[in-house]
């Protein structure tokens, strides 16, 4: 994945998803059920929570990507949330090994995370005092020296305008495909997924990893395409469509 230039124009956060995106994720599943190709964990935020937070997440391998469907309790970006838009981080321990990766200490569930996926509602400020809202996703790889998500190497900075093959939104739901082909990213049969809501206890689940049995065969967020056109088949990908070359 590559960071892209920042030319943007205003777009409403409530958009209709194009045909290439199909919400055919397997639903259900327990956050504690190991070895499955998806996980759904739920979180009920307090009534006084100001920022949008993830209330339902489905995560799993899709080809060589990690696919995510993240539902927020309110619009995660746009004019409605003003300067209190989403700033949510999902941690992935891609080899389910708490002894490698992020080091928070004190037995924190995030210990061992190898990827941090940060979903943010952001604004692009322009000359003349005008601004436009957009949905941004940052992906950081966390090495053994990392003591916070900010310490990780920035692998990609995506947005819903320039990277619709990897980032899309539909109301309060955000869809993300994270490239997991980085050579130094650990792989395993299982992946731990951790979300730490502000002021609350972490929630986590376990899914099949890139080396797991049947990995990538059950979770489908974006359908396969042929030169950008929907093929009508939901076959597995090694990459998302229109992603360009590395």
Protein backbone atom coordinates (compact mmCIF):
# COMPACT_ATOMS: atom_id res chain seq x y z
CA UNK A 1 0.00 0.00 0.00
CA UNK A 2 1.19 3.53 -0.70
CA UNK A 3 0.55 6.95 0.79
CA UNK A 4 -1.19 9.09 -1.84
CA UNK A 5 -1.40 12.85 -2.56
CA UNK A 6 -3.98 14.92 -0.79
CA UNK A 7 -6.14 16.44 -3.55
CA UNK A 8 -9.69 16.22 -2.21
CA UNK A 9 -13.18 17.57 -2.72
CA UNK A 10 -16.13 17.62 -0.33
CA UNK A 11 -18.10 14.38 -0.08
CA UNK A 12 -20.95 13.53 2.26
CA UNK A 13 -20.21 10.76 4.80
CA UNK A 14 -23.45 9.01 3.83
CA UNK A 15 -22.62 7.52 0.45
CA UNK A 16 -24.04 4.64 -1.52
CA UNK A 17 -21.52 1.87 -1.95
CA UNK A 18 -20.55 1.04 -5.54
CA UNK A 19 -21.24 -2.34 -7.01
CA UNK A 20 -17.71 -3.59 -6.34
CA UNK A 21 -18.43 -3.59 -2.61
CA UNK A 22 -20.56 -6.44 -1.30
CA UNK A 23 -21.40 -6.77 2.36
CA UNK A 24 -21.17 -10.53 2.30
CA UNK A 25 -19.27 -10.95 5.52
CA UNK A 26 -20.25 -13.94 7.58
CA UNK A 27 -22.22 -12.58 10.51
CA UNK A 28 -22.35 -13.83 14.05
CA UNK A 29 -19.53 -15.74 15.65
CA UNK A 30 -18.19 -15.30 19.15
CA UNK A 31 -15.34 -12.99 20.06
CA UNK A 32 -13.87 -15.90 21.98
CA UNK A 33 -14.25 -18.47 19.21
CA UNK A 34 -10.73 -19.23 17.98
CA UNK A 35 -9.84 -20.53 14.54
CA UNK A 36 -12.70 -18.94 12.66
CA UNK A 37 -12.28 -16.66 9.67
CA UNK A 38 -14.28 -13.82 11.20
CA UNK A 39 -14.99 -12.30 14.54
CA UNK A 40 -17.78 -10.07 15.74
CA UNK A 41 -17.30 -8.27 19.00
CA UNK A 42 -19.78 -5.77 20.38
CA UNK A 43 -19.36 -2.84 22.71
CA UNK A 44 -22.04 -0.68 24.29
CA UNK A 45 -20.69 2.83 24.93
CA UNK A 46 -21.87 5.04 27.81
CA UNK A 47 -24.53 7.61 27.04
CA UNK A 48 -22.12 10.51 27.59
CA UNK A 49 -19.47 9.30 25.11
CA UNK A 50 -18.74 12.27 22.83
CA UNK A 51 -16.71 10.71 20.03
CA UNK A 52 -18.04 7.98 17.73
CA UNK A 53 -16.83 4.56 18.92
CA UNK A 54 -16.91 1.07 17.40
CA UNK A 55 -19.91 -0.89 18.65
CA UNK A 56 -19.67 -3.91 16.33
CA UNK A 57 -16.65 -5.21 14.41
CA UNK A 58 -16.23 -8.09 11.98
CA UNK A 59 -12.63 -8.84 11.04
CA UNK A 60 -10.96 -11.63 9.11
CA UNK A 61 -8.43 -12.53 6.40
CA UNK A 62 -9.48 -12.06 2.79
CA UNK A 63 -6.81 -13.24 0.42
CA UNK A 64 -3.63 -11.46 1.50
CA UNK A 65 -5.59 -8.66 3.20
CA UNK A 66 -7.28 -8.25 6.54
CA UNK A 67 -10.91 -7.27 5.86
CA UNK A 68 -12.87 -5.19 8.37
CA UNK A 69 -16.44 -4.08 8.76
CA UNK A 70 -16.65 -1.58 11.62
CA UNK A 71 -19.95 -0.19 12.86
CA UNK A 72 -19.91 3.02 14.91
CA UNK A 73 -22.57 4.33 17.27
CA UNK A 74 -22.78 7.57 15.29
CA UNK A 75 -21.42 9.00 12.04
CA UNK A 76 -17.63 8.60 12.32
CA UNK A 77 -16.78 11.52 10.01
CA UNK A 78 -18.37 14.51 8.36
CA UNK A 79 -19.93 17.78 9.46
CA UNK A 80 -22.16 16.22 12.13
CA UNK A 81 -19.30 15.28 14.44
CA UNK A 82 -17.44 18.58 13.85
CA UNK A 83 -14.15 18.39 15.84
CA UNK A 84 -15.22 15.30 17.83
CA UNK A 85 -15.14 12.71 15.05
CA UNK A 86 -13.90 9.13 15.27
CA UNK A 87 -10.36 8.37 16.42
CA UNK A 88 -10.50 4.61 16.95
CA UNK A 89 -7.58 2.16 16.94
CA UNK A 90 -7.86 -1.55 16.24
CA UNK A 91 -4.82 -3.64 17.22
CA UNK A 92 -3.99 -6.88 15.38
CA UNK A 93 -1.59 -9.43 16.86
CA UNK A 94 -0.99 -11.16 13.54
CA UNK A 95 0.77 -14.20 15.01
CA UNK A 96 -1.16 -14.33 18.32
CA UNK A 97 2.14 -14.05 20.17
CA UNK A 98 2.07 -11.57 23.09
CA UNK A 99 5.88 -11.69 23.34
CA UNK A 100 6.53 -9.97 20.00
CA UNK A 101 5.33 -6.57 18.84
CA UNK A 102 3.85 -3.76 20.95
CA UNK A 103 5.06 -3.43 24.55
CA UNK A 104 2.62 -1.61 26.82
CA UNK A 105 3.55 -3.56 29.94
CA UNK A 106 1.39 -4.43 32.96
CA UNK A 107 -0.29 -7.33 31.18
CA UNK A 108 -2.21 -5.09 28.75
CA UNK A 109 -4.19 -7.07 26.13
CA UNK A 110 -2.61 -4.93 23.42
CA UNK A 111 0.83 -6.41 24.22
CA UNK A 112 2.12 -8.32 21.21
CA UNK A 113 0.08 -6.37 18.62
CA UNK A 114 1.87 -6.19 15.27
CA UNK A 115 -0.48 -3.80 13.45
CA UNK A 116 -2.40 -0.72 14.53
CA UNK A 117 -5.27 0.37 12.27
CA UNK A 118 -6.38 3.90 13.14
CA UNK A 119 -9.75 5.11 11.81
CA UNK A 120 -10.18 8.87 11.93
CA UNK A 121 -12.72 11.44 10.89
CA UNK A 122 -10.55 14.30 9.66
CA UNK A 123 -10.80 17.69 7.96
CA UNK A 124 -8.82 19.24 5.14
CA UNK A 125 -8.38 22.96 5.83
CA UNK A 126 -7.91 25.29 2.88
CA UNK A 127 -7.06 28.90 2.28
CA UNK A 128 -9.92 31.27 2.95
CA UNK A 129 -11.08 29.40 6.03
CA UNK A 130 -12.97 26.65 4.20
CA UNK A 131 -12.59 22.97 5.03
CA UNK A 132 -13.87 19.59 3.89
CA UNK A 133 -14.35 16.37 5.83
CA UNK A 134 -12.91 12.99 4.91
CA UNK A 135 -12.41 9.50 6.35
CA UNK A 136 -8.77 8.57 6.98
CA UNK A 137 -7.23 5.20 7.85
CA UNK A 138 -3.63 4.88 9.00
CA UNK A 139 -1.87 1.52 9.21
CA UNK A 140 1.23 1.19 11.40
CA UNK A 141 3.44 -1.84 11.93
CA UNK A 142 4.49 -2.27 15.56
CA UNK A 143 7.91 -3.75 16.26
CA UNK A 144 9.37 -5.03 19.53
CA UNK A 145 10.52 -1.52 20.44
CA UNK A 146 7.09 0.08 20.08
CA UNK A 147 5.53 1.34 23.30
CA UNK A 148 2.51 2.99 21.67
CA UNK A 149 0.68 2.96 18.35
CA UNK A 150 2.51 6.15 17.36
CA UNK A 151 5.87 4.35 17.64
CA UNK A 152 5.07 2.06 14.74
CA UNK A 153 6.24 2.42 11.14
CA UNK A 154 3.60 4.04 8.95
CA UNK A 155 2.79 1.48 6.24
CA UNK A 156 -0.08 3.38 4.63
CA UNK A 157 -2.28 6.43 5.01
CA UNK A 158 -5.52 5.92 3.11
CA UNK A 159 -8.74 7.87 2.63
CA UNK A 160 -12.17 7.09 1.20
CA UNK A 161 -11.72 9.46 -1.76
CA UNK A 162 -8.42 8.33 -3.19
CA UNK A 163 -8.53 4.68 -2.04
CA UNK A 164 -12.14 3.47 -2.54
CA UNK A 165 -10.85 -0.04 -3.26
CA UNK A 166 -9.64 -0.19 0.36
CA UNK A 167 -11.67 2.34 2.36
CA UNK A 168 -15.40 3.00 2.08
CA UNK A 169 -18.20 4.11 4.35
CA UNK A 170 -21.96 3.79 4.38
CA UNK A 171 -23.56 5.84 7.14
CA UNK A 172 -22.14 4.65 10.44
CA UNK A 173 -20.36 1.64 8.90
CA UNK A 174 -16.75 1.70 7.70
CA UNK A 175 -15.22 -0.96 5.42
CA UNK A 176 -11.43 -1.41 5.29
CA UNK A 177 -8.99 -3.74 3.52
CA UNK A 178 -5.51 -3.79 5.07
CA UNK A 179 -2.64 -5.15 2.99
CA UNK A 180 -0.84 -7.84 4.97
CA UNK A 181 1.90 -8.64 2.45
CA UNK A 182 4.65 -6.68 4.25
CA UNK A 183 7.64 -9.02 4.40
CA UNK A 184 8.45 -8.28 8.04
CA UNK A 185 4.87 -8.69 9.30
CA UNK A 186 4.57 -11.87 11.43
CA UNK A 187 2.06 -14.50 10.33
CA UNK A 188 0.39 -17.29 12.24
CA UNK A 189 -2.55 -19.62 12.35
CA UNK A 190 -4.46 -17.22 14.58
CA UNK A 191 -4.78 -13.46 14.95
CA UNK A 192 -5.87 -11.57 18.06
CA UNK A 193 -7.98 -8.46 17.46
CA UNK A 194 -8.08 -5.90 20.28
CA UNK A 195 -10.12 -2.72 20.67
CA UNK A 196 -9.74 -0.49 23.73
CA UNK A 197 -12.68 1.94 23.92
CA UNK A 198 -11.94 5.21 25.76
CA UNK A 199 -12.45 4.85 29.50
CA UNK A 200 -13.52 1.20 29.24
CA UNK A 201 -12.00 -2.27 29.38
CA UNK A 202 -10.52 -3.70 26.15
CA UNK A 203 -12.58 -6.11 24.07
CA UNK A 204 -10.88 -8.71 21.94
CA UNK A 205 -11.41 -11.78 19.79
CA UNK A 206 -9.45 -14.38 17.84
CA UNK A 207 -9.73 -15.16 14.13
CA UNK A 208 -7.91 -17.39 11.66
CA UNK A 209 -4.56 -15.99 10.61
CA UNK A 210 -2.87 -15.99 7.23
CA UNK A 211 -1.47 -19.46 7.97
CA UNK A 212 -4.74 -20.79 9.36
CA UNK A 213 -6.84 -23.47 7.76
CA UNK A 214 -9.22 -21.95 5.21
CA UNK A 215 -7.92 -18.42 5.79
CA UNK A 216 -9.38 -15.93 3.33
CA UNK A 217 -12.13 -18.25 2.12
CA UNK A 218 -15.04 -16.95 4.19
CA UNK A 219 -14.72 -13.20 4.63
CA UNK A 220 -15.65 -11.17 1.55
CA UNK A 221 -16.08 -7.39 1.71
CA UNK A 222 -15.21 -6.35 -1.84
CA UNK A 223 -16.20 -8.57 -4.76
CA UNK A 224 -13.72 -9.61 -7.43
CA UNK A 225 -13.62 -7.34 -10.45
CA UNK A 226 -12.29 -7.31 -13.97
CA UNK A 227 -10.61 -4.02 -14.86
CA UNK A 228 -12.76 -2.22 -12.33
CA UNK A 229 -16.03 -3.84 -13.47
CA UNK A 230 -17.94 -6.20 -11.23
CA UNK A 231 -17.46 -9.76 -12.38
CA UNK A 232 -20.45 -11.15 -10.53
CA UNK A 233 -18.20 -13.61 -8.72
CA UNK A 234 -17.15 -13.31 -5.09
CA UNK A 235 -13.94 -15.27 -5.50
CA UNK A 236 -10.96 -14.78 -3.21
CA UNK A 237 -8.42 -12.14 -4.03
CA UNK A 238 -4.75 -11.79 -3.49
CA UNK A 239 -5.32 -8.06 -3.80
CA UNK A 240 -8.14 -5.56 -3.92
CA UNK A 241 -9.25 -4.34 -7.38
CA UNK A 242 -7.78 -1.14 -8.82
CA UNK A 243 -5.07 -1.17 -6.14
CA UNK A 244 -2.35 -0.47 -8.69
CA UNK A 245 1.11 -1.99 -8.66
CA UNK A 246 3.63 -2.00 -5.84
